[in-house]
Amino acid sequence: MKNYDIILASNSQRRKELLKYIFEDFKIISSNIDERELEQKFLSKTFKDNKSKFSELCDILSFEKCKDVSLKHKDSLIISADTIVYDDKKLFGKPLDYNDAKSILEYLSGKEHIVQTSVTIYFKGQFHTFSEKSFVTFYDLDSTQKELIEDYIKSENPFDKVGGYGIQDKGNLLIKSIKGDYFNIVGLPISKLNRKLIEIM
């Protein structure tokens, strides 16, 4: 019989729903780190290319969230995650307003971008971080795509989603194809997470 709590270090409703595939019961305790401050400090460094910079940033944010929660819950199993959207030039956060959402979604149209989720597991004093990448291609920015983007921004909530869209809602109407784990794009690569947990525990 286990003698530890399971904690999801995230307030994301999507991650909460996905983790239920693995655990029936767990607590929600979000971290208190300043993600934007960490992000700005990290991105000011020089890297050989943007993709490796963005990928490493995702790992760091996931780790720092888990580390923060572990300080007060050393005897728990803690799972944290961070999801980012990027290509070889830009990192896309949550849109600030309507115009920002429109700009991001129009930029992504006709191109392939990467959705990466980095996950950190804390268990028995050890941290384990891994990441999963999925590749998403939007339809070209034709008149139909422009109308769909307008409708999406008005009818859904792109402002709480990195990259300005959710594949689990009407955002999927903008997508031509994906390569990789669907649930990773939603926010948690549950199959890979489950296998990592089996290894660790």
N, C-alpha and C. Protein backbone atom coordinates (compact mmCIF):
# COMPACT_ATOMS: atom_id res chain seq x y z
N MET A 1 0.85 -1.20 0.00
CA MET A 1 0.00 0.00 0.00
C MET A 1 0.88 1.25 0.00
N LYS A 2 0.58 2.17 -0.92
CA LYS A 2 1.44 3.35 -1.04
C LYS A 2 1.26 4.27 0.17
N ASN A 3 2.34 4.91 0.57
CA ASN A 3 2.29 5.82 1.72
C ASN A 3 2.73 7.22 1.31
N TYR A 4 2.31 7.63 0.12
CA TYR A 4 2.66 8.96 -0.37
C TYR A 4 1.48 9.53 -1.16
N ASP A 5 1.42 10.87 -1.19
CA ASP A 5 0.40 11.55 -1.99
C ASP A 5 0.89 11.70 -3.42
N ILE A 6 -0.05 11.77 -4.33
CA ILE A 6 0.25 12.07 -5.73
C ILE A 6 -0.21 13.50 -5.99
N ILE A 7 0.70 14.32 -6.51
CA ILE A 7 0.41 15.74 -6.72
C ILE A 7 0.63 16.10 -8.18
N LEU A 8 -0.35 16.76 -8.77
CA LEU A 8 -0.18 17.37 -10.08
C LEU A 8 0.12 18.85 -9.84
N ALA A 9 1.31 19.26 -10.22
CA ALA A 9 1.73 20.65 -9.98
C ALA A 9 1.28 21.54 -11.14
N SER A 10 -0.03 21.59 -11.34
CA SER A 10 -0.59 22.37 -12.44
C SER A 10 -2.06 22.64 -12.18
N ASN A 11 -2.50 23.83 -12.56
CA ASN A 11 -3.91 24.19 -12.45
C ASN A 11 -4.67 23.91 -13.74
N SER A 12 -3.98 23.36 -14.74
CA SER A 12 -4.59 23.11 -16.04
C SER A 12 -5.69 22.06 -15.95
N GLN A 13 -6.89 22.45 -16.35
CA GLN A 13 -8.01 21.51 -16.35
C GLN A 13 -7.76 20.37 -17.34
N ARG A 14 -7.10 20.69 -18.44
CA ARG A 14 -6.81 19.66 -19.46
C ARG A 14 -5.85 18.62 -18.91
N ARG A 15 -4.81 19.05 -18.19
CA ARG A 15 -3.86 18.09 -17.61
C ARG A 15 -4.52 17.26 -16.52
N LYS A 16 -5.38 17.90 -15.75
CA LYS A 16 -6.11 17.19 -14.70
C LYS A 16 -6.94 16.06 -15.30
N GLU A 17 -7.63 16.34 -16.38
CA GLU A 17 -8.46 15.31 -17.03
C GLU A 17 -7.61 14.19 -17.61
N LEU A 18 -6.46 14.54 -18.19
CA LEU A 18 -5.61 13.53 -18.80
C LEU A 18 -4.94 12.64 -17.75
N LEU A 19 -4.53 13.22 -16.63
CA LEU A 19 -3.85 12.43 -15.60
C LEU A 19 -4.79 11.38 -15.00
N LYS A 20 -6.08 11.59 -15.11
CA LYS A 20 -7.05 10.62 -14.59
C LYS A 20 -6.98 9.29 -15.34
N TYR A 21 -6.38 9.28 -16.52
CA TYR A 21 -6.16 8.03 -17.23
C TYR A 21 -5.17 7.14 -16.48
N ILE A 22 -4.30 7.77 -15.68
CA ILE A 22 -3.26 7.02 -14.95
C ILE A 22 -3.61 6.86 -13.49
N PHE A 23 -4.03 7.93 -12.84
CA PHE A 23 -4.35 7.90 -11.41
C PHE A 23 -5.80 8.32 -11.17
N GLU A 24 -6.47 7.60 -10.29
CA GLU A 24 -7.84 7.97 -9.95
C GLU A 24 -7.87 9.17 -9.01
N ASP A 25 -6.94 9.18 -8.06
CA ASP A 25 -6.93 10.24 -7.05
C ASP A 25 -5.58 10.94 -6.99
N PHE A 26 -5.62 12.25 -7.01
CA PHE A 26 -4.40 13.04 -6.83
C PHE A 26 -4.79 14.45 -6.40
N LYS A 27 -3.82 15.15 -5.84
CA LYS A 27 -4.04 16.52 -5.40
C LYS A 27 -3.53 17.50 -6.46
N ILE A 28 -4.10 18.69 -6.45
CA ILE A 28 -3.65 19.77 -7.33
C ILE A 28 -2.97 20.83 -6.47
N ILE A 29 -1.66 21.01 -6.68
CA ILE A 29 -0.92 22.05 -5.97
C ILE A 29 -0.02 22.74 -7.00
N SER A 30 -0.35 23.95 -7.38
CA SER A 30 0.45 24.63 -8.40
C SER A 30 1.65 25.32 -7.76
N SER A 31 2.66 25.54 -8.57
CA SER A 31 3.89 26.17 -8.08
C SER A 31 3.70 27.68 -8.01
N ASN A 32 4.64 28.33 -7.34
CA ASN A 32 4.61 29.79 -7.20
C ASN A 32 5.75 30.47 -7.95
N ILE A 33 6.33 29.78 -8.92
CA ILE A 33 7.45 30.39 -9.65
C ILE A 33 6.93 31.45 -10.62
N ASP A 34 7.78 32.41 -10.91
CA ASP A 34 7.47 33.44 -11.89
C ASP A 34 7.97 32.95 -13.25
N GLU A 35 7.08 32.34 -14.00
CA GLU A 35 7.47 31.74 -15.28
C GLU A 35 8.02 32.76 -16.26
N ARG A 36 7.37 33.92 -16.32
CA ARG A 36 7.79 34.94 -17.30
C ARG A 36 9.18 35.47 -16.99
N GLU A 37 9.49 35.63 -15.70
CA GLU A 37 10.82 36.11 -15.31
C GLU A 37 11.88 35.08 -15.69
N LEU A 38 11.60 33.81 -15.40
CA LEU A 38 12.53 32.74 -15.78
C LEU A 38 12.73 32.69 -17.29
N GLU A 39 11.62 32.82 -18.00
CA GLU A 39 11.66 32.75 -19.46
C GLU A 39 12.50 33.88 -20.04
N GLN A 40 12.26 35.10 -19.57
CA GLN A 40 13.00 36.25 -20.10
C GLN A 40 14.50 36.15 -19.80
N LYS A 41 14.82 35.69 -18.60
CA LYS A 41 16.23 35.54 -18.21
C LYS A 41 16.91 34.49 -19.08
N PHE A 42 16.22 33.38 -19.32
CA PHE A 42 16.80 32.30 -20.10
C PHE A 42 16.95 32.69 -21.57
N LEU A 43 15.94 33.31 -22.13
CA LEU A 43 15.96 33.64 -23.56
C LEU A 43 16.98 34.73 -23.89
N SER A 44 17.48 35.43 -22.88
CA SER A 44 18.51 36.45 -23.12
C SER A 44 19.87 35.83 -23.40
N LYS A 45 20.00 34.53 -23.13
CA LYS A 45 21.26 33.83 -23.39
C LYS A 45 21.41 33.52 -24.88
N THR A 46 22.62 33.26 -25.29
CA THR A 46 22.90 32.95 -26.69
C THR A 46 22.96 31.45 -26.91
N PHE A 47 22.29 30.98 -27.97
CA PHE A 47 22.29 29.57 -28.32
C PHE A 47 22.62 29.42 -29.79
N LYS A 48 23.00 28.21 -30.18
CA LYS A 48 23.36 27.96 -31.59
C LYS A 48 22.14 28.06 -32.50
N ASP A 49 20.96 27.72 -31.96
CA ASP A 49 19.74 27.84 -32.76
C ASP A 49 18.54 28.00 -31.84
N ASN A 50 17.48 28.55 -32.40
CA ASN A 50 16.28 28.84 -31.60
C ASN A 50 15.58 27.58 -31.11
N LYS A 51 15.54 26.55 -31.94
CA LYS A 51 14.81 25.34 -31.56
C LYS A 51 15.39 24.71 -30.30
N SER A 52 16.71 24.62 -30.21
CA SER A 52 17.33 24.03 -29.02
C SER A 52 17.12 24.94 -27.81
N LYS A 53 17.11 26.26 -28.04
CA LYS A 53 16.88 27.22 -26.96
C LYS A 53 15.47 27.04 -26.39
N PHE A 54 14.49 27.00 -27.27
CA PHE A 54 13.09 26.88 -26.83
C PHE A 54 12.84 25.54 -26.14
N SER A 55 13.44 24.49 -26.69
CA SER A 55 13.27 23.15 -26.12
C SER A 55 13.83 23.07 -24.71
N GLU A 56 15.00 23.64 -24.51
CA GLU A 56 15.63 23.63 -23.18
C GLU A 56 14.84 24.48 -22.19
N LEU A 57 14.30 25.59 -22.67
CA LEU A 57 13.47 26.44 -21.81
C LEU A 57 12.28 25.66 -21.27
N CYS A 58 11.64 24.87 -22.11
CA CYS A 58 10.49 24.07 -21.70
C CYS A 58 10.88 23.09 -20.59
N ASP A 59 12.03 22.44 -20.75
CA ASP A 59 12.53 21.52 -19.71
C ASP A 59 12.75 22.25 -18.39
N ILE A 60 13.35 23.43 -18.47
CA ILE A 60 13.67 24.19 -17.26
C ILE A 60 12.39 24.62 -16.53
N LEU A 61 11.41 25.11 -17.26
CA LEU A 61 10.15 25.55 -16.63
C LEU A 61 9.44 24.39 -15.94
N SER A 62 9.44 23.24 -16.60
CA SER A 62 8.83 22.06 -15.99
C SER A 62 9.56 21.67 -14.71
N PHE A 63 10.88 21.64 -14.77
CA PHE A 63 11.69 21.27 -13.60
C PHE A 63 11.49 22.25 -12.44
N GLU A 64 11.51 23.54 -12.74
CA GLU A 64 11.39 24.54 -11.68
C GLU A 64 10.02 24.48 -11.00
N LYS A 65 8.97 24.20 -11.75
CA LYS A 65 7.64 24.03 -11.16
C LYS A 65 7.64 22.85 -10.18
N CYS A 66 8.21 21.74 -10.61
CA CYS A 66 8.25 20.54 -9.78
C CYS A 66 9.11 20.76 -8.54
N LYS A 67 10.24 21.39 -8.73
CA LYS A 67 11.17 21.67 -7.62
C LYS A 67 10.50 22.54 -6.57
N ASP A 68 9.77 23.56 -7.02
CA ASP A 68 9.11 24.48 -6.10
C ASP A 68 8.09 23.75 -5.22
N VAL A 69 7.27 22.91 -5.83
CA VAL A 69 6.25 22.18 -5.07
C VAL A 69 6.90 21.14 -4.15
N SER A 70 8.01 20.55 -4.59
CA SER A 70 8.66 19.50 -3.80
C SER A 70 9.24 20.02 -2.48
N LEU A 71 9.52 21.32 -2.40
CA LEU A 71 10.12 21.88 -1.19
C LEU A 71 9.23 21.66 0.03
N LYS A 72 7.92 21.64 -0.16
CA LYS A 72 6.98 21.45 0.95
C LYS A 72 6.31 20.08 0.92
N HIS A 73 6.67 19.26 -0.07
CA HIS A 73 6.01 17.95 -0.21
C HIS A 73 7.05 16.89 -0.60
N LYS A 74 8.06 16.76 0.25
CA LYS A 74 9.19 15.89 -0.07
C LYS A 74 8.84 14.40 -0.11
N ASP A 75 7.75 14.01 0.54
CA ASP A 75 7.37 12.60 0.58
C ASP A 75 6.30 12.24 -0.44
N SER A 76 6.05 13.13 -1.38
CA SER A 76 5.00 12.91 -2.38
C SER A 76 5.59 12.54 -3.73
N LEU A 77 4.72 11.99 -4.59
CA LEU A 77 5.03 11.82 -6.01
C LEU A 77 4.45 13.05 -6.70
N ILE A 78 5.32 13.83 -7.35
CA ILE A 78 4.90 15.09 -7.95
C ILE A 78 5.12 15.04 -9.45
N ILE A 79 4.12 15.51 -10.19
CA ILE A 79 4.21 15.57 -11.65
C ILE A 79 3.94 17.01 -12.08
N SER A 80 4.88 17.60 -12.80
CA SER A 80 4.69 18.94 -13.34
C SER A 80 4.88 18.89 -14.85
N ALA A 81 4.39 19.91 -15.53
CA ALA A 81 4.54 19.94 -16.99
C ALA A 81 4.52 21.37 -17.49
N ASP A 82 5.15 21.57 -18.64
CA ASP A 82 5.09 22.86 -19.32
C ASP A 82 4.97 22.58 -20.82
N THR A 83 4.08 23.28 -21.48
CA THR A 83 3.89 23.10 -22.92
C THR A 83 4.20 24.40 -23.64
N ILE A 84 4.98 24.30 -24.73
CA ILE A 84 5.28 25.48 -25.53
C ILE A 84 5.03 25.18 -27.00
N VAL A 85 4.84 26.23 -27.76
CA VAL A 85 4.64 26.15 -29.21
C VAL A 85 5.71 27.01 -29.86
N TYR A 86 6.42 26.45 -30.85
CA TYR A 86 7.50 27.21 -31.48
C TYR A 86 7.83 26.68 -32.87
N ASP A 87 8.54 27.49 -33.65
CA ASP A 87 9.15 27.03 -34.88
C ASP A 87 10.61 27.44 -34.85
N ASP A 88 11.27 27.50 -35.98
CA ASP A 88 12.70 27.81 -35.96
C ASP A 88 12.99 29.30 -35.77
N LYS A 89 11.94 30.11 -35.70
CA LYS A 89 12.14 31.55 -35.53
C LYS A 89 11.51 32.11 -34.27
N LYS A 90 10.32 31.60 -33.92
CA LYS A 90 9.54 32.24 -32.86
C LYS A 90 9.03 31.26 -31.82
N LEU A 91 8.86 31.80 -30.61
CA LEU A 91 8.20 31.09 -29.51
C LEU A 91 6.86 31.78 -29.30
N PHE A 92 5.78 30.98 -29.26
CA PHE A 92 4.44 31.55 -29.18
C PHE A 92 3.84 31.30 -27.81
N GLY A 93 3.55 32.38 -27.10
CA GLY A 93 2.92 32.26 -25.80
C GLY A 93 1.40 32.33 -25.91
N LYS A 94 0.75 32.68 -24.82
CA LYS A 94 -0.70 32.87 -24.83
C LYS A 94 -1.00 34.26 -25.40
N PRO A 95 -1.93 34.36 -26.32
CA PRO A 95 -2.23 35.66 -26.93
C PRO A 95 -2.67 36.68 -25.89
N LEU A 96 -2.26 37.91 -26.10
CA LEU A 96 -2.60 39.00 -25.18
C LEU A 96 -4.00 39.53 -25.43
N ASP A 97 -4.43 39.54 -26.70
CA ASP A 97 -5.73 40.08 -27.06
C ASP A 97 -6.15 39.52 -28.41
N TYR A 98 -7.25 40.02 -28.93
CA TYR A 98 -7.80 39.54 -30.21
C TYR A 98 -6.78 39.66 -31.33
N ASN A 99 -6.16 40.83 -31.46
CA ASN A 99 -5.22 41.07 -32.55
C ASN A 99 -4.00 40.16 -32.45
N ASP A 100 -3.55 39.93 -31.22
CA ASP A 100 -2.40 39.05 -31.02
C ASP A 100 -2.76 37.61 -31.42
N ALA A 101 -3.94 37.16 -31.03
CA ALA A 101 -4.39 35.81 -31.39
C ALA A 101 -4.49 35.66 -32.91
N LYS A 102 -5.06 36.65 -33.56
CA LYS A 102 -5.19 36.65 -35.01
C LYS A 102 -3.83 36.60 -35.69
N SER A 103 -2.90 37.41 -35.19
CA SER A 103 -1.55 37.46 -35.75
C SER A 103 -0.84 36.12 -35.63
N ILE A 104 -0.95 35.48 -34.46
CA ILE A 104 -0.30 34.18 -34.24
C ILE A 104 -0.88 33.11 -35.15
N LEU A 105 -2.21 33.01 -35.19
CA LEU A 105 -2.86 31.96 -35.96
C LEU A 105 -2.66 32.14 -37.46
N GLU A 106 -2.61 33.38 -37.91
CA GLU A 106 -2.33 33.63 -39.33
C GLU A 106 -0.87 33.30 -39.65
N TYR A 107 0.04 33.59 -38.73
CA TYR A 107 1.45 33.26 -38.93
C TYR A 107 1.64 31.75 -39.03
N LEU A 108 0.96 31.00 -38.17
CA LEU A 108 1.11 29.55 -38.14
C LEU A 108 0.51 28.88 -39.38
N SER A 109 -0.41 29.55 -40.05
CA SER A 109 -1.08 28.96 -41.20
C SER A 109 -0.11 28.70 -42.35
N GLY A 110 -0.25 27.52 -42.95
CA GLY A 110 0.61 27.14 -44.06
C GLY A 110 1.99 26.66 -43.65
N LYS A 111 2.20 26.50 -42.35
CA LYS A 111 3.51 26.10 -41.85
C LYS A 111 3.39 24.94 -40.85
N GLU A 112 4.51 24.29 -40.62
CA GLU A 112 4.60 23.29 -39.56
C GLU A 112 5.23 23.94 -38.33
N HIS A 113 4.66 23.66 -37.16
CA HIS A 113 5.28 24.12 -35.92
C HIS A 113 5.37 22.96 -34.93
N ILE A 114 6.11 23.19 -33.88
CA ILE A 114 6.35 22.14 -32.87
C ILE A 114 5.57 22.47 -31.61
N VAL A 115 4.90 21.46 -31.07
CA VAL A 115 4.31 21.56 -29.74
C VAL A 115 5.10 20.63 -28.83
N GLN A 116 5.77 21.18 -27.86
CA GLN A 116 6.58 20.38 -26.93
C GLN A 116 6.00 20.48 -25.53
N THR A 117 5.86 19.33 -24.90
CA THR A 117 5.54 19.30 -23.48
C THR A 117 6.69 18.64 -22.75
N SER A 118 7.23 19.34 -21.78
CA SER A 118 8.26 18.77 -20.90
C SER A 118 7.59 18.41 -19.57
N VAL A 119 7.92 17.24 -19.08
CA VAL A 119 7.33 16.73 -17.85
C VAL A 119 8.44 16.42 -16.85
N THR A 120 8.25 16.80 -15.60
CA THR A 120 9.19 16.44 -14.54
C THR A 120 8.45 15.65 -13.48
N ILE A 121 9.06 14.54 -13.09
CA ILE A 121 8.52 13.68 -12.03
C ILE A 121 9.47 13.74 -10.85
N TYR A 122 8.93 14.01 -9.67
CA TYR A 122 9.72 13.95 -8.43
C TYR A 122 9.23 12.76 -7.63
N PHE A 123 10.20 11.91 -7.22
CA PHE A 123 9.83 10.74 -6.43
C PHE A 123 11.04 10.29 -5.61
N LYS A 124 10.85 10.19 -4.31
CA LYS A 124 11.89 9.73 -3.39
C LYS A 124 13.20 10.51 -3.54
N GLY A 125 13.06 11.84 -3.61
CA GLY A 125 14.23 12.71 -3.64
C GLY A 125 14.89 12.88 -4.99
N GLN A 126 14.35 12.27 -6.03
CA GLN A 126 14.95 12.33 -7.36
C GLN A 126 14.01 13.03 -8.35
N PHE A 127 14.61 13.81 -9.25
CA PHE A 127 13.86 14.47 -10.32
C PHE A 127 14.15 13.78 -11.65
N HIS A 128 13.13 13.59 -12.42
CA HIS A 128 13.27 12.97 -13.74
C HIS A 128 12.50 13.83 -14.74
N THR A 129 13.22 14.40 -15.71
CA THR A 129 12.59 15.26 -16.72
C THR A 129 12.70 14.63 -18.10
N PHE A 130 11.60 14.64 -18.83
CA PHE A 130 11.61 14.18 -20.22
C PHE A 130 10.70 15.10 -21.03
N SER A 131 10.83 15.03 -22.35
CA SER A 131 9.97 15.86 -23.19
C SER A 131 9.43 15.06 -24.37
N GLU A 132 8.35 15.54 -24.91
CA GLU A 132 7.73 14.94 -26.08
C GLU A 132 7.43 16.06 -27.07
N LYS A 133 7.70 15.82 -28.35
CA LYS A 133 7.43 16.81 -29.39
C LYS A 133 6.43 16.25 -30.40
N SER A 134 5.46 17.08 -30.74
CA SER A 134 4.52 16.76 -31.81
C SER A 134 4.62 17.87 -32.85
N PHE A 135 4.35 17.51 -34.10
CA PHE A 135 4.50 18.45 -35.20
C PHE A 135 3.13 18.71 -35.83
N VAL A 136 2.75 19.98 -35.85
CA VAL A 136 1.41 20.36 -36.31
C VAL A 136 1.53 21.25 -37.53
N THR A 137 0.74 20.96 -38.55
CA THR A 137 0.71 21.78 -39.76
C THR A 137 -0.69 22.36 -39.93
N PHE A 138 -0.77 23.67 -40.06
CA PHE A 138 -2.04 24.36 -40.31
C PHE A 138 -2.31 24.42 -41.82
N TYR A 139 -3.58 24.55 -42.16
CA TYR A 139 -3.94 24.81 -43.56
C TYR A 139 -3.39 26.16 -43.99
N ASP A 140 -3.22 26.32 -45.32
CA ASP A 140 -2.74 27.58 -45.87
C ASP A 140 -3.70 28.72 -45.51
N LEU A 141 -3.16 29.92 -45.49
CA LEU A 141 -3.96 31.09 -45.12
C LEU A 141 -4.76 31.58 -46.34
N ASP A 142 -5.76 30.80 -46.72
CA ASP A 142 -6.67 31.21 -47.79
C ASP A 142 -7.90 31.87 -47.16
N SER A 143 -8.90 32.19 -47.95
CA SER A 143 -10.07 32.89 -47.44
C SER A 143 -10.83 32.04 -46.41
N THR A 144 -10.85 30.72 -46.63
CA THR A 144 -11.53 29.83 -45.68
C THR A 144 -10.82 29.82 -44.34
N GLN A 145 -9.49 29.72 -44.38
CA GLN A 145 -8.70 29.70 -43.15
C GLN A 145 -8.87 31.01 -42.38
N LYS A 146 -8.90 32.12 -43.09
CA LYS A 146 -9.09 33.42 -42.43
C LYS A 146 -10.43 33.48 -41.73
N GLU A 147 -11.48 32.97 -42.37
CA GLU A 147 -12.81 32.96 -41.76
C GLU A 147 -12.84 32.05 -40.54
N LEU A 148 -12.18 30.89 -40.65
CA LEU A 148 -12.14 29.95 -39.53
C LEU A 148 -11.39 30.54 -38.34
N ILE A 149 -10.32 31.27 -38.61
CA ILE A 149 -9.55 31.92 -37.54
C ILE A 149 -10.43 32.96 -36.84
N GLU A 150 -11.13 33.78 -37.62
CA GLU A 150 -12.03 34.79 -37.05
C GLU A 150 -13.08 34.13 -36.16
N ASP A 151 -13.70 33.08 -36.69
CA ASP A 151 -14.75 32.38 -35.95
C ASP A 151 -14.20 31.74 -34.69
N TYR A 152 -13.00 31.17 -34.80
CA TYR A 152 -12.39 30.51 -33.64
C TYR A 152 -12.13 31.49 -32.51
N ILE A 153 -11.55 32.62 -32.83
CA ILE A 153 -11.23 33.61 -31.79
C ILE A 153 -12.50 34.11 -31.11
N LYS A 154 -13.57 34.27 -31.90
CA LYS A 154 -14.83 34.78 -31.35
C LYS A 154 -15.58 33.73 -30.53
N SER A 155 -15.49 32.46 -30.93
CA SER A 155 -16.33 31.43 -30.31
C SER A 155 -15.63 30.60 -29.23
N GLU A 156 -14.31 30.60 -29.25
CA GLU A 156 -13.55 29.83 -28.27
C GLU A 156 -12.71 30.78 -27.41
N ASN A 157 -11.87 30.20 -26.57
CA ASN A 157 -11.01 31.03 -25.73
C ASN A 157 -9.55 30.74 -26.04
N PRO A 158 -8.97 31.46 -27.01
CA PRO A 158 -7.57 31.22 -27.36
C PRO A 158 -6.59 31.83 -26.38
N PHE A 159 -7.10 32.65 -25.44
CA PHE A 159 -6.21 33.45 -24.60
C PHE A 159 -5.58 32.69 -23.44
N ASP A 160 -6.06 31.47 -23.17
CA ASP A 160 -5.44 30.67 -22.11
C ASP A 160 -4.65 29.50 -22.69
N LYS A 161 -4.31 29.60 -23.99
CA LYS A 161 -3.62 28.50 -24.66
C LYS A 161 -2.37 29.01 -25.36
N VAL A 162 -1.24 28.36 -25.11
CA VAL A 162 -0.02 28.74 -25.83
C VAL A 162 -0.22 28.44 -27.32
N GLY A 163 0.23 29.36 -28.14
CA GLY A 163 0.00 29.21 -29.57
C GLY A 163 -1.36 29.70 -30.02
N GLY A 164 -2.23 30.02 -29.05
CA GLY A 164 -3.51 30.60 -29.38
C GLY A 164 -4.59 29.65 -29.84
N TYR A 165 -4.36 28.33 -29.69
CA TYR A 165 -5.39 27.38 -30.11
C TYR A 165 -5.36 26.12 -29.26
N GLY A 166 -6.48 25.41 -29.26
CA GLY A 166 -6.54 24.11 -28.60
C GLY A 166 -6.96 23.06 -29.61
N ILE A 167 -6.21 21.98 -29.70
CA ILE A 167 -6.55 20.92 -30.65
C ILE A 167 -7.80 20.18 -30.21
N GLN A 168 -8.13 20.28 -28.92
CA GLN A 168 -9.29 19.57 -28.37
C GLN A 168 -10.59 20.36 -28.53
N ASP A 169 -10.50 21.58 -29.08
CA ASP A 169 -11.71 22.35 -29.34
C ASP A 169 -11.75 22.72 -30.83
N LYS A 170 -12.41 23.81 -31.18
CA LYS A 170 -12.55 24.16 -32.59
C LYS A 170 -11.24 24.52 -33.27
N GLY A 171 -10.18 24.62 -32.47
CA GLY A 171 -8.86 24.84 -33.04
C GLY A 171 -8.46 23.73 -34.00
N ASN A 172 -9.05 22.55 -33.83
CA ASN A 172 -8.69 21.43 -34.71
C ASN A 172 -9.15 21.69 -36.15
N LEU A 173 -10.08 22.62 -36.36
CA LEU A 173 -10.53 22.93 -37.72
C LEU A 173 -9.48 23.71 -38.52
N LEU A 174 -8.49 24.25 -37.83
CA LEU A 174 -7.41 24.98 -38.50
C LEU A 174 -6.27 24.06 -38.92
N ILE A 175 -6.30 22.81 -38.43
CA ILE A 175 -5.15 21.90 -38.57
C ILE A 175 -5.31 20.96 -39.76
N LYS A 176 -4.27 20.92 -40.58
CA LYS A 176 -4.24 20.01 -41.74
C LYS A 176 -3.74 18.63 -41.35
N SER A 177 -2.69 18.58 -40.51
CA SER A 177 -2.13 17.29 -40.12
C SER A 177 -1.32 17.42 -38.84
N ILE A 178 -1.15 16.29 -38.16
CA ILE A 178 -0.24 16.23 -37.01
C ILE A 178 0.64 15.00 -37.13
N LYS A 179 1.83 15.11 -36.60
CA LYS A 179 2.74 13.96 -36.49
C LYS A 179 3.14 13.88 -35.03
N GLY A 180 2.82 12.75 -34.41
CA GLY A 180 3.18 12.59 -33.00
C GLY A 180 1.98 12.38 -32.11
N ASP A 181 2.20 12.57 -30.83
CA ASP A 181 1.23 12.27 -29.78
C ASP A 181 0.17 13.37 -29.70
N TYR A 182 -1.08 13.01 -29.95
CA TYR A 182 -2.20 13.95 -29.86
C TYR A 182 -2.31 14.55 -28.46
N PHE A 183 -2.23 13.69 -27.43
CA PHE A 183 -2.42 14.16 -26.05
C PHE A 183 -1.29 15.09 -25.62
N ASN A 184 -0.12 14.93 -26.23
CA ASN A 184 0.97 15.86 -25.97
C ASN A 184 0.57 17.28 -26.39
N ILE A 185 -0.15 17.39 -27.49
CA ILE A 185 -0.59 18.69 -27.97
C ILE A 185 -1.65 19.28 -27.04
N VAL A 186 -2.48 18.40 -26.47
CA VAL A 186 -3.48 18.86 -25.50
C VAL A 186 -2.80 19.39 -24.24
N GLY A 187 -1.65 18.76 -23.85
CA GLY A 187 -0.91 19.28 -22.70
C GLY A 187 -0.21 18.27 -21.81
N LEU A 188 -0.38 16.95 -22.11
CA LEU A 188 0.29 15.95 -21.29
C LEU A 188 0.43 14.64 -22.08
N PRO A 189 1.67 14.23 -22.38
CA PRO A 189 1.87 12.99 -23.14
C PRO A 189 1.69 11.78 -22.21
N ILE A 190 0.45 11.36 -22.05
CA ILE A 190 0.12 10.41 -20.99
C ILE A 190 0.74 9.02 -21.18
N SER A 191 0.86 8.57 -22.43
CA SER A 191 1.44 7.24 -22.66
C SER A 191 2.90 7.20 -22.23
N LYS A 192 3.66 8.21 -22.65
CA LYS A 192 5.07 8.28 -22.28
C LYS A 192 5.21 8.51 -20.78
N LEU A 193 4.35 9.35 -20.21
CA LEU A 193 4.37 9.59 -18.77
C LEU A 193 4.12 8.30 -18.00
N ASN A 194 3.15 7.54 -18.43
CA ASN A 194 2.83 6.29 -17.75
C ASN A 194 4.02 5.33 -17.75
N ARG A 195 4.70 5.22 -18.88
CA ARG A 195 5.87 4.35 -18.97
C ARG A 195 7.01 4.83 -18.09
N LYS A 196 7.19 6.14 -18.03
CA LYS A 196 8.24 6.70 -17.15
C LYS A 196 7.92 6.42 -15.69
N LEU A 197 6.66 6.54 -15.33
CA LEU A 197 6.26 6.26 -13.95
C LEU A 197 6.51 4.79 -13.59
N ILE A 198 6.23 3.90 -14.53
CA ILE A 198 6.49 2.47 -14.29
C ILE A 198 7.97 2.23 -14.07
N GLU A 199 8.81 2.91 -14.85
CA GLU A 199 10.28 2.78 -14.69
C GLU A 199 10.73 3.28 -13.32
N ILE A 200 10.21 4.44 -12.93
CA ILE A 200 10.68 5.10 -11.70
C ILE A 200 10.15 4.42 -10.44
N MET A 201 8.90 4.00 -10.48
CA MET A 201 8.28 3.45 -9.30
C MET A 201 8.49 1.95 -9.24
